PDB file of N, CA and C in Angstrom:
ATOM      1  N   MET A   1     -91.110-210.077  35.645  1.00  0.00           N
ATOM      2  CA  MET A   1     -89.792-209.454  35.588  1.00  0.00           C
ATOM      3  C   MET A   1     -88.522-209.750  36.295  1.00  0.00           C
ATOM      4  N   MET A   2     -87.310-210.108  35.602  1.00  0.00           N
ATOM      5  CA  MET A   2     -86.275-209.975  36.514  1.00  0.00           C
ATOM      6  C   MET A   2     -85.475-209.743  37.556  1.00  0.00           C
ATOM      7  N   ASP A   3     -84.847-209.819  38.503  1.00  0.00           N
ATOM      8  CA  ASP A   3     -84.068-208.517  38.600  1.00  0.00           C
ATOM      9  C   ASP A   3     -82.354-209.638  38.268  1.00  0.00           C
ATOM     10  N   LEU A   4     -82.066-209.372  37.877  1.00  0.00           N
ATOM     11  CA  LEU A   4     -80.590-210.395  36.774  1.00  0.00           C
ATOM     12  C   LEU A   4     -79.698-210.268  37.974  1.00  0.00           C
ATOM     13  N   ASP A   5     -79.148-209.428  38.619  1.00  0.00           N
ATOM     14  CA  ASP A   5     -78.248-209.855  39.951  1.00  0.00           C
ATOM     15  C   ASP A   5     -77.996-210.726  40.402  1.00  0.00           C
ATOM     16  N   LYS A   6     -80.174-211.011  41.125  1.00  0.00           N
ATOM     17  CA  LYS A   6     -80.460-212.316  42.391  1.00  0.00           C
ATOM     18  C   LYS A   6     -80.330-212.723  41.221  1.00  0.00           C
ATOM     19  N   ILE A   7     -80.456-212.970  40.182  1.00  0.00           N
ATOM     20  CA  ILE A   7     -80.841-214.392  39.426  1.00  0.00           C
ATOM     21  C   ILE A   7     -79.488-214.938  39.002  1.00  0.00           C
ATOM     22  N   ARG A   8     -78.569-213.779  38.998  1.00  0.00           N
ATOM     23  CA  ARG A   8     -77.142-214.109  39.210  1.00  0.00           C
ATOM     24  C   ARG A   8     -76.370-214.785  40.138  1.00  0.00           C
ATOM     25  N   GLU A   9     -76.856-214.412  41.584  1.00  0.00           N
ATOM     26  CA  GLU A   9     -76.037-214.900  42.617  1.00  0.00           C
ATOM     27  C   GLU A   9     -76.849-216.213  42.764  1.00  0.00           C
ATOM     28  N   LYS A  10     -77.807-216.322  42.328  1.00  0.00           N
ATOM     29  CA  LYS A  10     -78.647-217.639  42.871  1.00  0.00           C
ATOM     30  C   LYS A  10     -77.722-218.671  41.668  1.00  0.00           C
ATOM     31  N   ILE A  11     -77.835-218.852  40.667  1.00  0.00           N
ATOM     32  CA  ILE A  11     -77.076-219.459  40.034  1.00  0.00           C
ATOM     33  C   ILE A  11     -76.213-219.904  40.176  1.00  0.00           C
ATOM     34  N   ILE A  12     -74.928-218.936  40.466  1.00  0.00           N
ATOM     35  CA  ILE A  12     -73.232-219.164  41.172  1.00  0.00           C
ATOM     36  C   ILE A  12     -73.656-220.215  42.023  1.00  0.00           C
ATOM     37  N   ALA A  13     -74.978-219.801  42.954  1.00  0.00           N
ATOM     38  CA  ALA A  13     -74.404-220.957  44.274  1.00  0.00           C
ATOM     39  C   ALA A  13     -75.448-222.504  43.667  1.00  0.00           C
ATOM     40  N   LEU A  14     -76.242-222.429  42.252  1.00  0.00           N
ATOM     41  CA  LEU A  14     -76.267-224.071  41.903  1.00  0.00           C
ATOM     42  C   LEU A  14     -74.703-225.044  42.306  1.00  0.00           C
ATOM     43  N   ASP A  15     -75.278-226.375  42.384  1.00  0.00           N
ATOM     44  CA  ASP A  15     -74.534-226.546  42.347  1.00  0.00           C
ATOM     45  C   ASP A  15     -74.085-227.892  40.881  1.00  0.00           C
ATOM     46  N   GLU A  16     -73.546-228.806  40.048  1.00  0.00           N
ATOM     47  CA  GLU A  16     -73.363-228.864  39.257  1.00  0.00           C
ATOM     48  C   GLU A  16     -74.751-229.953  38.732  1.00  0.00           C
ATOM     49  N   SER A  17     -74.993-230.403  39.681  1.00  0.00           N
ATOM     50  CA  SER A  17     -76.356-231.164  39.088  1.00  0.00           C
ATOM     51  C   SER A  17     -76.845-230.318  39.072  1.00  0.00           C
ATOM     52  N   GLY A  18     -77.842-229.599  40.074  1.00  0.00           N
ATOM     53  CA  GLY A  18     -78.669-228.131  39.662  1.00  0.00           C
ATOM     54  C   GLY A  18     -78.404-227.245  38.526  1.00  0.00           C
ATOM     55  N   ALA A  19     -77.178-226.991  38.500  1.00  0.00           N
ATOM     56  CA  ALA A  19     -77.170-226.052  37.092  1.00  0.00           C
ATOM     57  C   ALA A  19     -77.277-227.069  35.721  1.00  0.00           C
ATOM     58  N   LYS A  20     -77.025-228.491  35.788  1.00  0.00           N
ATOM     59  CA  LYS A  20     -77.211-229.738  34.371  1.00  0.00           C
ATOM     60  C   LYS A  20     -78.856-229.563  34.401  1.00  0.00           C
ATOM     61  N   THR A  21     -78.942-229.593  35.356  1.00  0.00           N
ATOM     62  CA  THR A  21     -80.631-229.717  35.591  1.00  0.00           C
ATOM     63  C   THR A  21     -81.643-229.010  34.781  1.00  0.00           C
ATOM     64  N   PHE A  22     -80.900-227.929  35.422  1.00  0.00           N
ATOM     65  CA  PHE A  22     -81.778-226.188  34.976  1.00  0.00           C
ATOM     66  C   PHE A  22     -81.628-226.348  33.140  1.00  0.00           C
ATOM     67  N   LEU A  23     -79.937-226.185  32.720  1.00  0.00           N
ATOM     68  CA  LEU A  23     -79.574-226.028  31.777  1.00  0.00           C
ATOM     69  C   LEU A  23     -80.421-227.301  30.362  1.00  0.00           C
ATOM     70  N   MET A  24     -80.664-228.544  31.017  1.00  0.00           N
ATOM     71  CA  MET A  24     -81.494-229.514  30.441  1.00  0.00           C
ATOM     72  C   MET A  24     -83.197-229.222  30.396  1.00  0.00           C
ATOM     73  N   ILE A  25     -83.525-228.910  30.741  1.00  0.00           N
ATOM     74  CA  ILE A  25     -85.259-228.294  31.226  1.00  0.00           C
ATOM     75  C   ILE A  25     -84.712-227.085  30.136  1.00  0.00           C
ATOM     76  N   THR A  26     -84.232-225.992  29.764  1.00  0.00           N
ATOM     77  CA  THR A  26     -83.769-224.556  29.065  1.00  0.00           C
ATOM     78  C   THR A  26     -84.067-225.527  27.857  1.00  0.00           C
ATOM     79  N   ALA A  27     -83.121-226.196  27.350  1.00  0.00           N
ATOM     80  CA  ALA A  27     -82.958-227.061  26.295  1.00  0.00           C
ATOM     81  C   ALA A  27     -84.332-227.781  25.617  1.00  0.00           C
ATOM     82  N   ALA A  28     -84.758-228.537  26.754  1.00  0.00           N
ATOM     83  CA  ALA A  28     -85.699-229.280  26.364  1.00  0.00           C
ATOM     84  C   ALA A  28     -86.989-227.781  25.804  1.00  0.00           C
ATOM     85  N   ASN A  29     -87.500-226.757  26.867  1.00  0.00           N
ATOM     86  CA  ASN A  29     -88.390-226.181  26.653  1.00  0.00           C
ATOM     87  C   ASN A  29     -88.176-225.655  25.005  1.00  0.00           C
ATOM     88  N   ILE A  30     -86.759-225.178  24.599  1.00  0.00           N
ATOM     89  CA  ILE A  30     -87.151-224.434  23.082  1.00  0.00           C
ATOM     90  C   ILE A  30     -86.741-225.365  22.408  1.00  0.00           C
ATOM     91  N   GLU A  31     -86.299-226.581  22.656  1.00  0.00           N
ATOM     92  CA  GLU A  31     -86.843-227.538  21.335  1.00  0.00           C
ATOM     93  C   GLU A  31     -88.169-227.538  21.505  1.00  0.00           C
ATOM     94  N   ILE A  32     -88.914-227.408  22.172  1.00  0.00           N
ATOM     95  CA  ILE A  32     -90.307-227.734  21.984  1.00  0.00           C
ATOM     96  C   ILE A  32     -91.423-227.028  21.545  1.00  0.00           C
ATOM     97  N   VAL A  33     -90.883-225.263  21.514  1.00  0.00           N
ATOM     98  CA  VAL A  33     -90.988-224.334  20.864  1.00  0.00           C
ATOM     99  C   VAL A  33     -90.349-224.526  19.256  1.00  0.00           C
ATOM    100  N   LYS A  34     -89.610-224.952  19.276  1.00  0.00           N
ATOM    101  CA  LYS A  34     -88.678-225.154  17.764  1.00  0.00           C
ATOM    102  C   LYS A  34     -88.878-226.364  17.223  1.00  0.00           C
ATOM    103  N   GLY A  35     -89.227-227.751  17.872  1.00  0.00           N
ATOM    104  CA  GLY A  35     -90.314-228.442  17.259  1.00  0.00           C
ATOM    105  C   GLY A  35     -91.715-229.244  17.339  1.00  0.00           C
ATOM    106  N   GLY A  36     -91.987-228.223  17.644  1.00  0.00           N
ATOM    107  CA  GLY A  36     -93.071-228.694  17.974  1.00  0.00           C
ATOM    108  C   GLY A  36     -94.859-228.190  17.656  1.00  0.00           C
ATOM    109  N   ASN A  37     -95.940-228.770  17.544  1.00  0.00           N
ATOM    110  CA  ASN A  37     -97.413-227.713  16.119  1.00  0.00           C
ATOM    111  C   ASN A  37     -97.840-226.722  17.114  1.00  0.00           C
ATOM    112  N   GLY A  38     -96.484-225.605  17.339  1.00  0.00           N
ATOM    113  CA  GLY A  38     -97.364-224.081  17.993  1.00  0.00           C
ATOM    114  C   GLY A  38     -98.052-224.625  18.696  1.00  0.00           C
ATOM    115  N   GLY A  39     -98.539-225.042  19.732  1.00  0.00           N
ATOM    116  CA  GLY A  39     -99.375-225.217  20.997  1.00  0.00           C
ATOM    117  C   GLY A  39     -98.460-224.636  21.846  1.00  0.00           C
ATOM    118  N   PHE A  40     -97.309-224.685  22.022  1.00  0.00           N
ATOM    119  CA  PHE A  40     -95.911-224.230  22.918  1.00  0.00           C
ATOM    120  C   PHE A  40     -95.234-223.113  22.701  1.00  0.00           C
ATOM    121  N   THR A  41     -95.650-221.841  22.479  1.00  0.00           N
ATOM    122  CA  THR A  41     -95.196-220.848  21.389  1.00  0.00           C
ATOM    123  C   THR A  41     -93.643-220.081  22.335  1.00  0.00           C
ATOM    124  N   SER A  42     -93.451-219.208  21.614  1.00  0.00           N
ATOM    125  CA  SER A  42     -91.853-218.762  21.662  1.00  0.00           C
ATOM    126  C   SER A  42     -92.212-217.689  23.178  1.00  0.00           C
ATOM    127  N   ASP A  43     -93.286-216.942  23.213  1.00  0.00           N
ATOM    128  CA  ASP A  43     -93.457-216.691  24.389  1.00  0.00           C
ATOM    129  C   ASP A  43     -94.126-216.499  26.062  1.00  0.00           C
ATOM    130  N   MET A  44     -94.726-218.271  25.532  1.00  0.00           N
ATOM    131  CA  MET A  44     -94.624-219.499  26.549  1.00  0.00           C
ATOM    132  C   MET A  44     -93.503-219.957  27.246  1.00  0.00           C
ATOM    133  N   CYS A  45     -93.059-220.203  26.501  1.00  0.00           N
ATOM    134  CA  CYS A  45     -91.545-220.621  26.462  1.00  0.00           C
ATOM    135  C   CYS A  45     -90.802-219.266  27.260  1.00  0.00           C
ATOM    136  N   ILE A  46     -90.505-218.367  27.316  1.00  0.00           N
ATOM    137  CA  ILE A  46     -90.004-216.897  27.431  1.00  0.00           C
ATOM    138  C   ILE A  46     -90.984-217.249  28.589  1.00  0.00           C
ATOM    139  N   ASP A  47     -91.929-217.403  29.258  1.00  0.00           N
ATOM    140  CA  ASP A  47     -92.223-216.910  30.312  1.00  0.00           C
ATOM    141  C   ASP A  47     -92.469-217.884  31.179  1.00  0.00           C
ATOM    142  N   GLU A  48     -92.320-219.505  30.654  1.00  0.00           N
ATOM    143  CA  GLU A  48     -91.941-220.347  31.710  1.00  0.00           C
ATOM    144  C   GLU A  48     -90.435-220.377  32.101  1.00  0.00           C
ATOM    145  N   LEU A  49     -89.578-220.058  31.873  1.00  0.00           N
ATOM    146  CA  LEU A  49     -88.084-219.502  31.822  1.00  0.00           C
ATOM    147  C   LEU A  49     -88.330-218.735  32.640  1.00  0.00           C
ATOM    148  N   ILE A  50     -88.845-217.398  32.741  1.00  0.00           N
ATOM    149  CA  ILE A  50     -88.592-216.148  33.425  1.00  0.00           C
ATOM    150  C   ILE A  50     -89.091-216.926  35.128  1.00  0.00           C
ATOM    151  N   LYS A  51     -90.083-218.406  34.993  1.00  0.00           N
ATOM    152  CA  LYS A  51     -90.740-218.842  36.223  1.00  0.00           C
ATOM    153  C   LYS A  51     -89.541-219.370  36.252  1.00  0.00           C
ATOM    154  N   MET A  52     -88.994-220.089  35.713  1.00  0.00           N
ATOM    155  CA  MET A  52     -88.140-221.185  36.285  1.00  0.00           C
ATOM    156  C   MET A  52     -86.649-220.251  36.851  1.00  0.00           C
ATOM    157  N   PHE A  53     -86.662-219.395  36.136  1.00  0.00           N
ATOM    158  CA  PHE A  53     -85.432-218.445  36.918  1.00  0.00           C
ATOM    159  C   PHE A  53     -85.350-217.382  38.835  1.00  0.00           C
ATOM    160  N   ASN A  54     -86.913-217.266  38.405  1.00  0.00           N
ATOM    161  CA  ASN A  54     -87.426-216.834  39.493  1.00  0.00           C
ATOM    162  C   ASN A  54     -87.769-217.694  40.611  1.00  0.00           C
ATOM    163  N   ASN A  55     -87.978-219.556  40.753  1.00  0.00           N
ATOM    164  CA  ASN A  55     -88.131-220.320  41.586  1.00  0.00           C
ATOM    165  C   ASN A  55     -86.417-220.839  41.708  1.00  0.00           C
ATOM    166  N   ILE A  56     -85.542-220.678  41.756  1.00  0.00           N
ATOM    167  CA  ILE A  56     -84.906-220.670  42.313  1.00  0.00           C
ATOM    168  C   ILE A  56     -84.265-220.313  43.157  1.00  0.00           C
ATOM    169  N   PRO A  57     -83.680-221.705  44.345  1.00  0.00           N
ATOM    170  CA  PRO A  57     -83.489-221.037  45.679  1.00  0.00           C
ATOM    171  C   PRO A  57     -82.727-220.319  45.568  1.00  0.00           C
ATOM    172  N   GLU A  58     -82.520-219.496  47.479  1.00  0.00           N
ATOM    173  CA  GLU A  58     -82.040-218.289  47.322  1.00  0.00           C
ATOM    174  C   GLU A  58     -80.761-218.724  47.746  1.00  0.00           C
ATOM    175  N   PRO A  59     -79.887-218.553  47.574  1.00  0.00           N
ATOM    176  CA  PRO A  59     -78.888-217.979  48.086  1.00  0.00           C
ATOM    177  C   PRO A  59     -78.897-219.972  48.715  1.00  0.00           C
ATOM    178  N   ASP A  60     -78.676-218.805  50.603  1.00  0.00           N
ATOM    179  CA  ASP A  60     -79.234-219.932  51.937  1.00  0.00           C
ATOM    180  C   ASP A  60     -79.687-221.241  51.520  1.00  0.00           C
ATOM    181  N   ALA A  61     -80.658-220.933  51.098  1.00  0.00           N
ATOM    182  CA  ALA A  61     -81.951-222.276  51.136  1.00  0.00           C
ATOM    183  C   ALA A  61     -80.794-223.351  50.170  1.00  0.00           C
ATOM    184  N   LEU A  62     -80.141-222.947  49.195  1.00  0.00           N
ATOM    185  CA  LEU A  62     -79.454-224.621  48.562  1.00  0.00           C
ATOM    186  C   LEU A  62     -78.234-224.846  49.949  1.00  0.00           C
ATOM    187  N   LYS A  63     -78.039-223.934  50.762  1.00  0.00           N
ATOM    188  CA  LYS A  63     -76.409-224.621  51.587  1.00  0.00           C
ATOM    189  C   LYS A  63     -76.771-225.780  52.559  1.00  0.00           C
ATOM    190  N   GLU A  64     -78.555-225.198  52.699  1.00  0.00           N
ATOM    191  CA  GLU A  64     -79.241-226.236  53.779  1.00  0.00           C
ATOM    192  C   GLU A  64     -79.912-226.784  53.304  1.00  0.00           C
ATOM    193  N   MET A  65     -79.705-227.629  52.217  1.00  0.00           N
ATOM    194  CA  MET A  65     -80.015-229.381  50.671  1.00  0.00           C
ATOM    195  C   MET A  65     -79.065-229.893  51.492  1.00  0.00           C
TER     196      MET A  65
END
């Protein structure tokens, strides 16, 4: 599950490059579900997106990068 407030803080802390990368990966996942052969389902896409959101580094870790 996701803690939306925590995810919001992480997203705000992303730099422009990180945010664009995140959006591109999100768009690619959606395209795979939409145009694929059914091997990557919408449920799998949602699970993958939740993992991505949960794995965004904490704002303090981003400052150190």
